[in-house]
N, C-alpha and C. Protein backbone atom coordinates (compact mmCIF):
# COMPACT_ATOMS: atom_id res chain seq x y z
N UNK A 1 43.45 88.86 125.43
CA UNK A 1 42.48 89.93 125.51
C UNK A 1 41.36 89.64 124.51
N UNK A 2 40.17 89.97 124.91
CA UNK A 2 39.04 89.72 124.02
C UNK A 2 38.80 90.91 123.08
N UNK A 3 38.00 90.66 122.08
CA UNK A 3 37.75 91.65 121.04
C UNK A 3 37.05 92.89 121.59
N UNK A 4 36.11 92.70 122.49
CA UNK A 4 35.35 93.84 123.02
C UNK A 4 36.25 94.81 123.78
N UNK A 5 37.17 94.31 124.57
CA UNK A 5 38.07 95.18 125.32
C UNK A 5 38.99 95.95 124.38
N UNK A 6 39.48 95.28 123.34
CA UNK A 6 40.35 95.96 122.37
C UNK A 6 39.59 97.06 121.63
N UNK A 7 38.34 96.80 121.30
CA UNK A 7 37.55 97.83 120.61
C UNK A 7 37.23 99.00 121.52
N UNK A 8 37.05 98.75 122.81
CA UNK A 8 36.82 99.84 123.76
C UNK A 8 38.07 100.71 123.88
N UNK A 9 39.23 100.07 123.98
CA UNK A 9 40.49 100.83 124.04
C UNK A 9 40.68 101.63 122.76
N UNK A 10 40.39 101.02 121.62
CA UNK A 10 40.53 101.71 120.35
C UNK A 10 39.58 102.90 120.24
N UNK A 11 38.35 102.73 120.70
CA UNK A 11 37.38 103.84 120.67
C UNK A 11 37.82 104.97 121.58
N UNK A 12 38.40 104.64 122.73
CA UNK A 12 38.89 105.68 123.64
C UNK A 12 40.05 106.44 123.01
N UNK A 13 40.99 105.72 122.37
CA UNK A 13 42.10 106.39 121.69
C UNK A 13 41.60 107.26 120.55
N UNK A 14 40.64 106.76 119.78
CA UNK A 14 40.10 107.55 118.69
C UNK A 14 39.42 108.81 119.21
N UNK A 15 38.68 108.70 120.30
CA UNK A 15 38.00 109.86 120.88
C UNK A 15 39.00 110.89 121.37
N UNK A 16 40.06 110.43 122.03
CA UNK A 16 41.09 111.36 122.50
C UNK A 16 41.81 112.03 121.33
N UNK A 17 42.08 111.27 120.29
CA UNK A 17 42.73 111.84 119.11
C UNK A 17 41.85 112.86 118.41
N UNK A 18 40.58 112.55 118.27
CA UNK A 18 39.65 113.48 117.65
C UNK A 18 39.50 114.75 118.48
N UNK A 19 39.45 114.58 119.80
CA UNK A 19 39.38 115.75 120.69
C UNK A 19 40.62 116.62 120.54
N UNK A 20 41.78 115.99 120.42
CA UNK A 20 43.03 116.75 120.26
C UNK A 20 43.06 117.48 118.93
N UNK A 21 42.58 116.85 117.86
CA UNK A 21 42.59 117.50 116.55
C UNK A 21 41.64 118.69 116.54
N UNK A 22 40.48 118.54 117.18
CA UNK A 22 39.47 119.60 117.14
C UNK A 22 39.85 120.78 118.04
N UNK A 23 40.41 120.52 119.21
CA UNK A 23 40.59 121.59 120.19
C UNK A 23 41.97 122.24 120.18
N UNK A 24 42.97 121.62 119.61
CA UNK A 24 44.32 122.18 119.68
C UNK A 24 44.51 123.28 118.65
N UNK A 25 45.20 124.32 119.07
CA UNK A 25 45.60 125.37 118.14
C UNK A 25 47.03 125.16 117.68
N UNK A 26 47.80 124.44 118.46
CA UNK A 26 49.19 124.18 118.14
C UNK A 26 49.27 123.08 117.08
N UNK A 27 50.09 123.27 116.06
CA UNK A 27 50.19 122.30 114.98
C UNK A 27 50.76 120.97 115.46
N UNK A 28 51.67 121.00 116.41
CA UNK A 28 52.24 119.77 116.95
C UNK A 28 51.16 118.97 117.69
N UNK A 29 50.30 119.65 118.43
CA UNK A 29 49.21 118.97 119.12
C UNK A 29 48.23 118.33 118.15
N UNK A 30 47.97 118.99 117.04
CA UNK A 30 47.09 118.43 116.02
C UNK A 30 47.72 117.17 115.43
N UNK A 31 49.03 117.22 115.17
CA UNK A 31 49.72 116.04 114.64
C UNK A 31 49.70 114.88 115.62
N UNK A 32 49.82 115.18 116.90
CA UNK A 32 49.74 114.12 117.90
C UNK A 32 48.35 113.50 117.93
N UNK A 33 47.32 114.31 117.74
CA UNK A 33 45.96 113.79 117.67
C UNK A 33 45.75 112.88 116.46
N UNK A 34 46.33 113.26 115.33
CA UNK A 34 46.23 112.42 114.14
C UNK A 34 46.94 111.09 114.36
N UNK A 35 48.07 111.12 115.04
CA UNK A 35 48.78 109.87 115.34
C UNK A 35 47.97 108.98 116.27
N UNK A 36 47.26 109.56 117.22
CA UNK A 36 46.38 108.76 118.08
C UNK A 36 45.27 108.11 117.28
N UNK A 37 44.72 108.83 116.33
CA UNK A 37 43.66 108.27 115.49
C UNK A 37 44.21 107.11 114.66
N UNK A 38 45.40 107.27 114.10
CA UNK A 38 45.98 106.19 113.31
C UNK A 38 46.31 104.98 114.18
N UNK A 39 46.76 105.22 115.41
CA UNK A 39 47.04 104.10 116.31
C UNK A 39 45.77 103.37 116.71
N UNK A 40 44.66 104.09 116.84
CA UNK A 40 43.40 103.40 117.15
C UNK A 40 42.97 102.53 115.97
N UNK A 41 43.24 102.98 114.75
CA UNK A 41 42.94 102.13 113.59
C UNK A 41 43.82 100.89 113.60
N UNK A 42 45.08 101.03 114.00
CA UNK A 42 45.97 99.87 114.10
C UNK A 42 45.45 98.86 115.12
N UNK A 43 44.98 99.35 116.24
CA UNK A 43 44.45 98.44 117.26
C UNK A 43 43.24 97.68 116.72
N UNK A 44 42.39 98.37 115.95
CA UNK A 44 41.25 97.69 115.34
C UNK A 44 41.70 96.61 114.37
N UNK A 45 42.68 96.92 113.53
CA UNK A 45 43.17 95.94 112.57
C UNK A 45 43.72 94.71 113.28
N UNK A 46 44.53 94.93 114.30
CA UNK A 46 45.14 93.82 115.02
C UNK A 46 44.07 93.02 115.79
N UNK A 47 43.12 93.71 116.38
CA UNK A 47 42.07 93.03 117.15
C UNK A 47 41.23 92.13 116.25
N UNK A 48 40.82 92.65 115.09
CA UNK A 48 40.03 91.83 114.18
C UNK A 48 40.85 90.71 113.57
N UNK A 49 42.13 90.95 113.38
CA UNK A 49 43.00 89.89 112.86
C UNK A 49 43.15 88.76 113.87
N UNK A 50 43.34 89.11 115.13
CA UNK A 50 43.53 88.09 116.17
C UNK A 50 42.24 87.34 116.49
N UNK A 51 41.10 87.98 116.30
CA UNK A 51 39.84 87.31 116.63
C UNK A 51 39.39 86.35 115.54
N UNK A 52 39.94 86.48 114.34
CA UNK A 52 39.59 85.57 113.26
C UNK A 52 38.33 85.95 112.52
N UNK A 53 37.83 87.17 112.71
CA UNK A 53 36.62 87.60 112.01
C UNK A 53 36.93 87.85 110.54
N UNK A 54 38.07 88.49 110.26
CA UNK A 54 38.46 88.74 108.88
C UNK A 54 39.28 87.58 108.38
N UNK A 55 39.20 87.32 107.09
CA UNK A 55 40.04 86.28 106.49
C UNK A 55 41.40 86.82 106.09
N UNK A 56 41.54 88.12 106.03
CA UNK A 56 42.82 88.73 105.67
C UNK A 56 43.62 89.02 106.93
N UNK A 57 44.86 89.25 106.75
CA UNK A 57 45.73 89.49 107.89
C UNK A 57 45.72 90.97 108.24
N UNK A 58 45.29 91.28 109.43
CA UNK A 58 45.26 92.67 109.89
C UNK A 58 46.64 93.20 110.20
N UNK A 59 47.59 92.31 110.44
CA UNK A 59 48.95 92.75 110.73
C UNK A 59 49.55 93.49 109.54
N UNK A 60 49.25 93.03 108.33
CA UNK A 60 49.80 93.68 107.14
C UNK A 60 49.18 95.07 106.98
N UNK A 61 47.88 95.18 107.23
CA UNK A 61 47.24 96.50 107.17
C UNK A 61 47.83 97.44 108.21
N UNK A 62 48.09 96.94 109.41
CA UNK A 62 48.68 97.76 110.46
C UNK A 62 50.07 98.22 110.06
N UNK A 63 50.83 97.36 109.39
CA UNK A 63 52.16 97.75 108.92
C UNK A 63 52.06 98.88 107.89
N UNK A 64 51.08 98.79 106.99
CA UNK A 64 50.88 99.87 106.02
C UNK A 64 50.49 101.17 106.71
N UNK A 65 49.68 101.09 107.74
CA UNK A 65 49.28 102.30 108.47
C UNK A 65 50.49 102.93 109.16
N UNK A 66 51.38 102.10 109.70
CA UNK A 66 52.58 102.62 110.35
C UNK A 66 53.48 103.32 109.33
N UNK A 67 53.62 102.74 108.15
CA UNK A 67 54.44 103.35 107.09
C UNK A 67 53.82 104.67 106.65
N UNK A 68 52.51 104.69 106.47
CA UNK A 68 51.84 105.93 106.07
C UNK A 68 51.95 106.98 107.16
N UNK A 69 51.87 106.57 108.42
CA UNK A 69 52.00 107.52 109.53
C UNK A 69 53.40 108.12 109.58
N UNK A 70 54.42 107.32 109.28
CA UNK A 70 55.78 107.85 109.26
C UNK A 70 55.95 108.87 108.13
N UNK A 71 55.40 108.57 106.97
CA UNK A 71 55.47 109.53 105.86
C UNK A 71 54.67 110.79 106.18
N UNK A 72 53.52 110.61 106.81
CA UNK A 72 52.69 111.76 107.20
C UNK A 72 53.43 112.64 108.21
N UNK A 73 54.12 112.02 109.14
CA UNK A 73 54.85 112.79 110.15
C UNK A 73 55.98 113.58 109.51
N UNK A 74 56.68 112.99 108.55
CA UNK A 74 57.77 113.71 107.88
C UNK A 74 57.25 114.91 107.09
N UNK A 75 56.18 114.71 106.34
CA UNK A 75 55.60 115.81 105.56
C UNK A 75 55.02 116.88 106.48
N UNK A 76 54.32 116.46 107.52
CA UNK A 76 53.69 117.42 108.43
C UNK A 76 54.73 118.24 109.19
N UNK A 77 55.80 117.60 109.62
CA UNK A 77 56.84 118.37 110.31
C UNK A 77 57.53 119.36 109.37
N UNK A 78 57.67 119.00 108.10
CA UNK A 78 58.20 119.96 107.13
C UNK A 78 57.25 121.15 106.97
N UNK A 79 55.96 120.89 106.97
CA UNK A 79 54.98 121.98 106.89
C UNK A 79 55.04 122.84 108.14
N UNK A 80 55.19 122.23 109.31
CA UNK A 80 55.28 122.99 110.56
C UNK A 80 56.53 123.85 110.57
N UNK A 81 57.65 123.32 110.10
CA UNK A 81 58.87 124.12 110.03
C UNK A 81 58.71 125.29 109.07
N UNK A 82 58.06 125.07 107.94
CA UNK A 82 57.80 126.16 107.01
C UNK A 82 56.84 127.18 107.61
N UNK A 83 55.87 126.72 108.36
CA UNK A 83 54.94 127.61 109.05
C UNK A 83 55.67 128.49 110.06
N UNK A 84 56.57 127.89 110.81
CA UNK A 84 57.33 128.66 111.79
C UNK A 84 58.28 129.63 111.10
N UNK A 85 58.88 129.20 110.00
CA UNK A 85 59.80 130.07 109.27
C UNK A 85 59.09 131.31 108.73
N UNK A 86 57.87 131.13 108.23
CA UNK A 86 57.14 132.25 107.62
C UNK A 86 56.41 133.11 108.63
N UNK A 87 55.83 132.52 109.67
CA UNK A 87 54.98 133.28 110.58
C UNK A 87 55.53 133.41 111.99
N UNK A 88 56.65 132.77 112.28
CA UNK A 88 57.27 132.79 113.61
C UNK A 88 56.32 132.30 114.70
N UNK A 89 55.43 131.40 114.32
CA UNK A 89 54.50 130.77 115.27
C UNK A 89 54.04 129.46 114.65
N UNK A 90 53.63 128.53 115.52
CA UNK A 90 53.12 127.26 114.99
C UNK A 90 51.64 127.07 115.31
N UNK A 91 50.97 128.13 115.63
CA UNK A 91 49.52 128.05 115.84
C UNK A 91 48.83 128.03 114.49
N UNK A 92 47.95 127.09 114.31
CA UNK A 92 47.28 126.97 113.01
C UNK A 92 46.25 128.07 112.79
N UNK A 93 45.80 128.71 113.85
CA UNK A 93 44.84 129.80 113.71
C UNK A 93 45.49 131.06 113.12
N UNK A 94 46.76 131.25 113.39
CA UNK A 94 47.43 132.48 112.95
C UNK A 94 47.83 132.45 111.48
N UNK A 95 47.91 131.30 110.91
CA UNK A 95 48.35 131.18 109.51
C UNK A 95 47.13 131.02 108.60
N UNK A 96 46.92 131.99 107.75
CA UNK A 96 45.81 131.89 106.80
C UNK A 96 46.24 131.20 105.52
N UNK A 97 47.52 131.31 105.19
CA UNK A 97 48.08 130.62 104.04
C UNK A 97 49.53 130.30 104.34
N UNK A 98 50.08 129.34 103.62
CA UNK A 98 51.43 128.87 103.92
C UNK A 98 52.49 129.78 103.34
N UNK A 99 52.18 130.51 102.30
CA UNK A 99 53.17 131.39 101.69
C UNK A 99 53.47 132.61 102.56
N UNK A 100 54.62 133.21 102.35
CA UNK A 100 55.05 134.36 103.16
C UNK A 100 54.42 135.59 102.66
């Protein structure tokens, strides 16, 4: 695959992720949008690494992004569970603060 096609796919994923983050009221939907954005960054790292434009290895950066995304998912799901425990809903519009 060439670099241009990979960048187009990455831009489409980033656009879909940004749309999901902006338009979703559900906290799980927002988290899925953030994961799409992080995956589009991974595609960019891998595409530039495979094309030889960067002298550094994009695979290592992609691995770091995957580790950060896993930590982000764990923390975010804990926040969503706390949100549900306190407000009995996971809509981000209904919660003005995290405390009960």
